[in-house]
Amino acid sequence: MKALIVVDIQNDFLPGGALAVPDGDAIIPVVNRLLPVFPLVVATQDWHPANHGSFAANHTGRKLFEQIELNGLPQTLWPVHCVQNTPGAELAGALSREGIARVFPKGTDAGIDSYSGFFDNGHRKSTGLGEWLKAQGVAELFVCGLATDYCVKFTALDAATMGFKTHLIEDASRGVNLRPDDVRKAIEEIARAGIAVMQSADLSNACGG
């Protein structure tokens, strides 16, 4: 079975949000058109406690986007975003919920960040997404959402590592681009991992309908 993973299309990642991805809202109509194409759709959701260690505000004297070490792992310090039970953490209102079978929260442990929808950044704990997809009989995954150079990239890479045939839908994703080439480099890394980079227009053929 084929499935679509919609990564972190949440209010805080849209223009005007706490950690806005440039042009992030432009992918929502594209994603909405994709949802009916797939027999199974899941979403991921950044769902941080307020004391999360990735927030610059929780480290006295540290600056936004500074690099630190957090529990043995490199960590970018982000603005406070996607705090549990706040409007910013909610899935975007314009995103169609119809067809989304389940939403998997991530980043719930204050001590470790979780870019991937499958694992925390240290691969110390699973979100349960991979196991659940395999239990549904999924063998092939298509990944899109926010942001290309972080959560989308790491979700796609983990999907491939777990043995799923994996595709990135490039035009249904947008990146942060903290450095000007981050998105380009992320897509190159994804392709090197054997993940097919495709456009939404290619989906009707790929999914047989």
Protein backbone atom coordinates (compact mmCIF):
# COMPACT_ATOMS: atom_id res chain seq x y z
CA MET A 1 0.00 0.00 0.00
CA LYS A 2 1.02 3.59 -0.67
CA ALA A 3 0.65 6.31 1.98
CA LEU A 4 1.17 10.06 2.22
CA ILE A 5 2.90 11.66 5.23
CA VAL A 6 1.98 15.33 5.72
CA VAL A 7 4.70 16.84 7.89
CA ASP A 8 4.04 19.64 10.39
CA ILE A 9 1.65 21.91 8.48
CA GLN A 10 0.95 23.90 11.64
CA ASN A 11 0.08 27.51 12.34
CA ASP A 12 3.44 28.41 13.88
CA PHE A 13 5.21 27.36 10.66
CA LEU A 14 3.00 29.51 8.42
CA PRO A 15 3.50 33.22 7.62
CA GLY A 16 2.80 35.20 10.79
CA GLY A 17 3.65 32.23 13.00
CA ALA A 18 6.39 31.96 15.59
CA LEU A 19 8.74 30.06 13.27
CA ALA A 20 7.35 30.92 9.85
CA VAL A 21 8.59 29.00 6.83
CA PRO A 22 8.78 31.41 3.88
CA ASP A 23 5.86 30.76 1.52
CA GLY A 24 4.80 27.88 3.76
CA ASP A 25 1.10 28.49 3.22
CA ALA A 26 1.51 28.06 -0.56
CA ILE A 27 1.75 24.29 -0.20
CA ILE A 28 -1.65 23.85 1.47
CA PRO A 29 -3.75 23.87 -1.73
CA VAL A 30 -1.25 21.44 -3.29
CA VAL A 31 -1.46 19.09 -0.31
CA ASN A 32 -5.25 19.30 -0.24
CA ARG A 33 -5.33 18.15 -3.86
CA LEU A 34 -3.08 15.22 -3.00
CA LEU A 35 -5.09 13.87 -0.08
CA PRO A 36 -7.76 12.05 -2.12
CA VAL A 37 -5.10 10.42 -4.30
CA PHE A 38 -3.85 8.19 -1.47
CA PRO A 39 -5.58 5.26 0.22
CA LEU A 40 -3.92 6.26 3.51
CA VAL A 41 -2.79 9.67 4.81
CA VAL A 42 -1.12 10.48 8.12
CA ALA A 43 0.15 13.77 9.52
CA THR A 44 2.89 14.66 11.97
CA GLN A 45 2.61 17.47 14.50
CA ASP A 46 5.34 19.24 16.47
CA TRP A 47 3.98 19.12 20.02
CA HIS A 48 6.48 20.65 22.41
CA PRO A 49 6.21 21.20 26.15
CA ALA A 50 6.79 24.85 27.11
CA ASN A 51 10.15 23.97 28.71
CA HIS A 52 11.53 22.32 25.59
CA GLY A 53 15.31 22.37 25.34
CA SER A 54 15.27 23.48 21.70
CA PHE A 55 13.83 26.89 22.63
CA ALA A 56 16.40 29.68 22.87
CA ALA A 57 14.21 31.33 25.52
CA ASN A 58 14.94 28.41 27.85
CA HIS A 59 18.72 29.01 27.76
CA THR A 60 19.87 32.15 29.55
CA GLY A 61 22.21 34.24 27.44
CA ARG A 62 21.74 32.18 24.28
CA LYS A 63 20.57 33.61 20.96
CA LEU A 64 18.10 32.40 18.37
CA PHE A 65 19.57 29.93 15.86
CA GLU A 66 22.71 29.49 17.94
CA GLN A 67 24.14 25.97 17.99
CA ILE A 68 24.47 24.21 21.34
CA GLU A 69 24.70 20.66 22.62
CA LEU A 70 21.53 19.21 24.13
CA ASN A 71 21.85 15.87 25.90
CA GLY A 72 24.79 14.87 23.75
CA LEU A 73 23.35 16.01 20.41
CA PRO A 74 23.91 19.18 18.35
CA GLN A 75 20.92 21.48 18.67
CA THR A 76 19.80 24.63 16.87
CA LEU A 77 18.04 27.02 19.23
CA TRP A 78 14.63 27.97 17.85
CA PRO A 79 11.95 30.49 18.78
CA VAL A 80 9.27 29.11 21.10
CA HIS A 81 6.93 27.29 18.73
CA CYS A 82 4.26 24.61 18.56
CA VAL A 83 3.75 24.49 22.31
CA GLN A 84 1.23 21.84 23.32
CA ASN A 85 -2.40 23.01 23.41
CA THR A 86 -1.69 26.44 21.90
CA PRO A 87 -3.15 27.79 18.63
CA GLY A 88 0.31 27.80 17.06
CA ALA A 89 0.60 24.05 17.47
CA GLU A 90 -2.68 23.31 15.72
CA LEU A 91 -2.76 22.01 12.19
CA ALA A 92 -3.40 24.80 9.70
CA GLY A 93 -7.07 25.67 9.40
CA ALA A 94 -6.92 25.58 5.59
CA LEU A 95 -5.51 22.04 5.60
CA SER A 96 -8.25 19.52 4.84
CA ARG A 97 -8.59 17.02 7.68
CA GLU A 98 -10.75 14.73 5.59
CA GLY A 99 -8.75 11.65 4.75
CA ILE A 100 -6.11 12.12 7.46
CA ALA A 101 -6.34 8.84 9.31
CA ARG A 102 -4.11 9.71 12.24
CA VAL A 103 -1.88 12.51 13.57
CA PHE A 104 1.41 11.55 15.20
CA PRO A 105 2.86 14.05 17.72
CA LYS A 106 6.62 14.50 17.98
CA GLY A 107 9.05 16.58 20.01
CA THR A 108 7.14 15.84 23.19
CA ASP A 109 10.25 15.15 25.32
CA ALA A 110 11.71 18.40 26.70
CA GLY A 111 15.21 16.95 26.64
CA ILE A 112 15.53 16.07 22.96
CA ASP A 113 14.28 17.52 19.69
CA SER A 114 12.48 15.46 17.08
CA TYR A 115 12.70 16.59 13.46
CA SER A 116 11.70 13.22 12.04
CA GLY A 117 8.15 11.95 12.25
CA PHE A 118 9.54 8.53 13.13
CA PHE A 119 12.13 9.11 15.88
CA ASP A 120 13.69 11.75 18.09
CA ASN A 121 16.97 13.22 16.82
CA GLY A 122 19.02 10.63 18.68
CA HIS A 123 16.90 7.71 17.46
CA ARG A 124 16.42 6.88 21.13
CA LYS A 125 12.64 6.59 21.02
CA SER A 126 10.13 5.87 18.27
CA THR A 127 6.97 7.91 17.76
CA GLY A 128 5.22 4.70 16.68
CA LEU A 129 4.64 6.00 13.15
CA GLY A 130 6.79 3.42 11.37
CA GLU A 131 5.37 0.50 13.28
CA TRP A 132 1.82 1.70 12.68
CA LEU A 133 2.37 2.16 8.93
CA LYS A 134 3.84 -1.32 8.62
CA ALA A 135 0.88 -2.76 10.53
CA GLN A 136 -1.40 -1.17 7.90
CA GLY A 137 0.54 -2.91 5.14
CA VAL A 138 2.24 0.24 3.84
CA ALA A 139 5.35 -0.37 1.73
CA GLU A 140 5.69 2.93 -0.15
CA LEU A 141 5.67 6.44 1.31
CA PHE A 142 5.32 9.91 -0.16
CA VAL A 143 6.50 12.75 2.09
CA CYS A 144 5.62 16.46 1.94
CA GLY A 145 5.16 19.44 4.25
CA LEU A 146 7.27 21.76 6.39
CA ALA A 147 10.14 22.20 6.37
CA THR A 148 12.10 20.66 3.50
CA ASP A 149 15.50 21.17 5.16
CA TYR A 150 14.48 19.90 8.60
CA CYS A 151 11.45 17.81 9.45
CA VAL A 152 10.58 16.76 5.91
CA LYS A 153 14.17 15.76 5.18
CA PHE A 154 14.65 13.72 8.34
CA THR A 155 11.23 12.07 8.01
CA ALA A 156 12.06 11.00 4.46
CA LEU A 157 15.53 9.76 5.40
CA ASP A 158 14.17 7.70 8.30
CA ALA A 159 11.42 6.28 6.08
CA ALA A 160 14.01 5.04 3.62
CA THR A 161 16.19 3.63 6.39
CA MET A 162 13.19 1.72 7.74
CA GLY A 163 12.78 0.01 4.38
CA PHE A 164 9.91 1.98 2.88
CA LYS A 165 10.16 2.91 -0.79
CA THR A 166 10.22 6.67 -0.31
CA HIS A 167 9.44 9.75 -2.39
CA LEU A 168 9.71 13.47 -1.65
CA ILE A 169 7.01 15.67 -3.21
CA GLU A 170 9.13 18.77 -3.74
CA ASP A 171 6.47 21.32 -4.71
CA ALA A 172 4.30 20.28 -1.75
CA SER A 173 7.14 21.20 0.64
CA ARG A 174 8.93 24.41 1.63
CA GLY A 175 12.14 25.05 3.55
CA VAL A 176 13.46 27.36 6.26
CA ASN A 177 16.78 28.11 4.50
CA LEU A 178 18.65 29.48 7.52
CA ARG A 179 21.61 29.39 5.12
CA PRO A 180 20.88 30.17 1.46
CA ASP A 181 21.68 26.68 0.14
CA ASP A 182 20.02 24.62 2.88
CA VAL A 183 17.02 23.50 0.83
CA ARG A 184 19.11 22.64 -2.22
CA LYS A 185 21.53 20.64 -0.07
CA ALA A 186 18.67 18.88 1.70
CA ILE A 187 17.16 17.77 -1.60
CA GLU A 188 20.57 16.56 -2.78
CA GLU A 189 21.00 14.57 0.44
CA ILE A 190 17.54 13.08 0.04
CA ALA A 191 18.31 12.04 -3.53
CA ARG A 192 21.65 10.51 -2.51
CA ALA A 193 19.76 8.32 -0.05
CA GLY A 194 17.86 6.77 -2.96
CA ILE A 195 14.67 8.74 -2.35
CA ALA A 196 12.84 9.81 -5.51
CA VAL A 197 12.30 13.58 -5.75
CA MET A 198 9.10 14.29 -7.65
CA GLN A 199 6.41 16.90 -8.24
CA SER A 200 2.75 16.71 -7.28
CA ALA A 201 1.77 16.56 -10.96
CA ASP A 202 3.53 13.18 -11.17
CA LEU A 203 1.34 11.65 -8.48
CA SER A 204 -1.59 10.44 -10.56
CA ASN A 205 0.74 8.12 -12.47
CA ALA A 206 2.66 7.04 -9.36
CA CYS A 207 -0.50 6.15 -7.50
CA GLY A 208 -2.37 4.67 -10.42
CA GLY A 209 -5.19 7.15 -10.48
